[in-house]
Amino acid sequence: MANTMDEPLMQAVEEAVSKRKFLKIQYRTDLNEYLSVTSMIKKVEEKDGAQYLELVNGEEIRFDNLVKVGDVASDEYNSRDFTCDC
């Protein structure tokens, strides 16, 4: 895990919270499953020293498990990770 906050991703999260809009959220679970949901982010809060997003359905996602929020990808990934040569 990186010690620095992914600023562009956090800005995308904060913008989504302030604009109260539904968007595609891609993330990894604690079991390393890759999930994608379309939801609204209700709030961001710190718990046990980590940032968490709470979705409107009550689901909580650890910030460092985020892969992509809207069009903004985590700095752990590059744009080629989201292309398909199928």
C-alpha atoms as a PDB file:
ATOM      1  CA  MET A   1       0.000   0.000   0.000  1.00  0.00           C
ATOM      2  CA  ALA A   2       1.182   3.461  -0.815  1.00  0.00           C
ATOM      3  CA  ASN A   3       1.671   5.953   1.991  1.00  0.00           C
ATOM      4  CA  THR A   4       0.570   8.907  -0.112  1.00  0.00           C
ATOM      5  CA  MET A   5      -3.036   9.727  -0.876  1.00  0.00           C
ATOM      6  CA  ASP A   6      -4.088   9.384  -4.504  1.00  0.00           C
ATOM      7  CA  GLU A   7      -5.073  13.059  -4.940  1.00  0.00           C
ATOM      8  CA  PRO A   8      -6.793  12.859  -8.370  1.00  0.00           C
ATOM      9  CA  LEU A   9      -8.902   9.918  -7.196  1.00  0.00           C
ATOM     10  CA  MET A  10      -9.799  11.665  -3.926  1.00  0.00           C
ATOM     11  CA  GLN A  11     -10.806  14.777  -5.888  1.00  0.00           C
ATOM     12  CA  ALA A  12     -13.091  12.617  -8.068  1.00  0.00           C
ATOM     13  CA  VAL A  13     -14.633  11.099  -4.933  1.00  0.00           C
ATOM     14  CA  GLU A  14     -15.153  14.489  -3.273  1.00  0.00           C
ATOM     15  CA  GLU A  15     -16.686  15.906  -6.459  1.00  0.00           C
ATOM     16  CA  ALA A  16     -19.077  12.948  -6.658  1.00  0.00           C
ATOM     17  CA  VAL A  17     -20.113  13.526  -3.026  1.00  0.00           C
ATOM     18  CA  SER A  18     -20.685  17.263  -3.524  1.00  0.00           C
ATOM     19  CA  LYS A  19     -22.589  16.865  -6.810  1.00  0.00           C
ATOM     20  CA  ARG A  20     -24.613  13.909  -5.464  1.00  0.00           C
ATOM     21  CA  LYS A  21     -24.462  12.052  -8.743  1.00  0.00           C
ATOM     22  CA  PHE A  22     -24.566   8.378  -9.628  1.00  0.00           C
ATOM     23  CA  LEU A  23     -21.423   7.077 -11.262  1.00  0.00           C
ATOM     24  CA  LYS A  24     -19.573   3.857 -11.940  1.00  0.00           C
ATOM     25  CA  ILE A  25     -17.337   2.765  -9.064  1.00  0.00           C
ATOM     26  CA  GLN A  26     -14.855  -0.060  -9.578  1.00  0.00           C
ATOM     27  CA  TYR A  27     -13.061  -1.602  -6.614  1.00  0.00           C
ATOM     28  CA  ARG A  28     -11.443  -4.682  -5.090  1.00  0.00           C
ATOM     29  CA  THR A  29     -12.960  -6.442  -2.094  1.00  0.00           C
ATOM     30  CA  ASP A  30     -10.976  -7.783   0.848  1.00  0.00           C
ATOM     31  CA  LEU A  31     -11.087 -11.160  -0.963  1.00  0.00           C
ATOM     32  CA  ASN A  32      -9.488  -9.459  -4.010  1.00  0.00           C
ATOM     33  CA  GLU A  33     -12.675  -9.739  -6.066  1.00  0.00           C
ATOM     34  CA  TYR A  34     -13.102  -7.054  -8.724  1.00  0.00           C
ATOM     35  CA  LEU A  35     -16.538  -5.431  -8.502  1.00  0.00           C
ATOM     36  CA  SER A  36     -18.212  -2.639 -10.403  1.00  0.00           C
ATOM     37  CA  VAL A  37     -21.316  -0.797  -9.207  1.00  0.00           C
ATOM     38  CA  THR A  38     -23.212   2.272 -10.288  1.00  0.00           C
ATOM     39  CA  SER A  39     -24.043   4.205  -7.166  1.00  0.00           C
ATOM     40  CA  MET A  40     -23.888   7.518  -5.362  1.00  0.00           C
ATOM     41  CA  ILE A  41     -21.201   8.180  -2.751  1.00  0.00           C
ATOM     42  CA  LYS A  42     -22.898   9.398   0.417  1.00  0.00           C
ATOM     43  CA  LYS A  43     -19.800  10.414   2.375  1.00  0.00           C
ATOM     44  CA  VAL A  44     -16.103   9.845   3.002  1.00  0.00           C
ATOM     45  CA  GLU A  45     -14.894   9.241   6.527  1.00  0.00           C
ATOM     46  CA  GLU A  46     -11.859   8.002   8.399  1.00  0.00           C
ATOM     47  CA  LYS A  47     -12.118   4.796  10.436  1.00  0.00           C
ATOM     48  CA  ASP A  48      -9.279   2.959  12.114  1.00  0.00           C
ATOM     49  CA  GLY A  49      -6.731   5.181  10.369  1.00  0.00           C
ATOM     50  CA  ALA A  50      -8.080   4.553   6.835  1.00  0.00           C
ATOM     51  CA  GLN A  51     -10.415   6.472   4.525  1.00  0.00           C
ATOM     52  CA  TYR A  52     -13.736   4.812   3.663  1.00  0.00           C
ATOM     53  CA  LEU A  53     -16.467   5.727   1.201  1.00  0.00           C
ATOM     54  CA  GLU A  54     -20.049   5.055   2.165  1.00  0.00           C
ATOM     55  CA  LEU A  55     -22.411   4.445  -0.726  1.00  0.00           C
ATOM     56  CA  VAL A  56     -26.110   5.375  -0.542  1.00  0.00           C
ATOM     57  CA  ASN A  57     -26.989   1.696  -0.048  1.00  0.00           C
ATOM     58  CA  GLY A  58     -24.854   1.621   3.135  1.00  0.00           C
ATOM     59  CA  GLU A  59     -21.976  -0.343   1.598  1.00  0.00           C
ATOM     60  CA  GLU A  60     -18.529   0.816   2.725  1.00  0.00           C
ATOM     61  CA  ILE A  61     -15.438   0.667   0.500  1.00  0.00           C
ATOM     62  CA  ARG A  62     -11.909   1.318   1.702  1.00  0.00           C
ATOM     63  CA  PHE A  63     -10.348   4.137  -0.339  1.00  0.00           C
ATOM     64  CA  ASP A  64      -7.212   2.124  -1.060  1.00  0.00           C
ATOM     65  CA  ASN A  65      -9.376  -0.635  -2.601  1.00  0.00           C
ATOM     66  CA  LEU A  66     -10.744   1.732  -5.254  1.00  0.00           C
ATOM     67  CA  VAL A  67      -9.763   0.987  -8.838  1.00  0.00           C
ATOM     68  CA  LYS A  68     -11.746   3.680 -10.659  1.00  0.00           C
ATOM     69  CA  VAL A  69     -14.374   6.316  -9.834  1.00  0.00           C
ATOM     70  CA  GLY A  70     -16.160   7.628 -12.900  1.00  0.00           C
ATOM     71  CA  ASP A  71     -13.400   8.327 -15.429  1.00  0.00           C
ATOM     72  CA  VAL A  72     -10.597   8.683 -12.848  1.00  0.00           C
ATOM     73  CA  ALA A  73      -8.456   5.622 -12.192  1.00  0.00           C
ATOM     74  CA  SER A  74      -6.332   4.963  -9.135  1.00  0.00           C
ATOM     75  CA  ASP A  75      -2.663   5.808  -9.639  1.00  0.00           C
ATOM     76  CA  GLU A  76      -1.973   2.073  -9.122  1.00  0.00           C
ATOM     77  CA  TYR A  77      -3.377   1.463 -12.616  1.00  0.00           C
ATOM     78  CA  ASN A  78      -2.697   2.931 -16.040  1.00  0.00           C
ATOM     79  CA  SER A  79      -5.063   3.580 -18.935  1.00  0.00           C
ATOM     80  CA  ARG A  80      -4.024   0.346 -20.676  1.00  0.00           C
ATOM     81  CA  ASP A  81      -5.535  -1.587 -17.762  1.00  0.00           C
ATOM     82  CA  PHE A  82      -8.945  -0.416 -18.962  1.00  0.00           C
ATOM     83  CA  THR A  83      -8.678  -1.290 -22.647  1.00  0.00           C
ATOM     84  CA  CYS A  84      -9.778  -4.496 -24.273  1.00  0.00           C
ATOM     85  CA  ASP A  85      -8.486  -5.968 -27.517  1.00  0.00           C
ATOM     86  CA  CYS A  86     -11.372  -8.448 -27.617  1.00  0.00           C
END
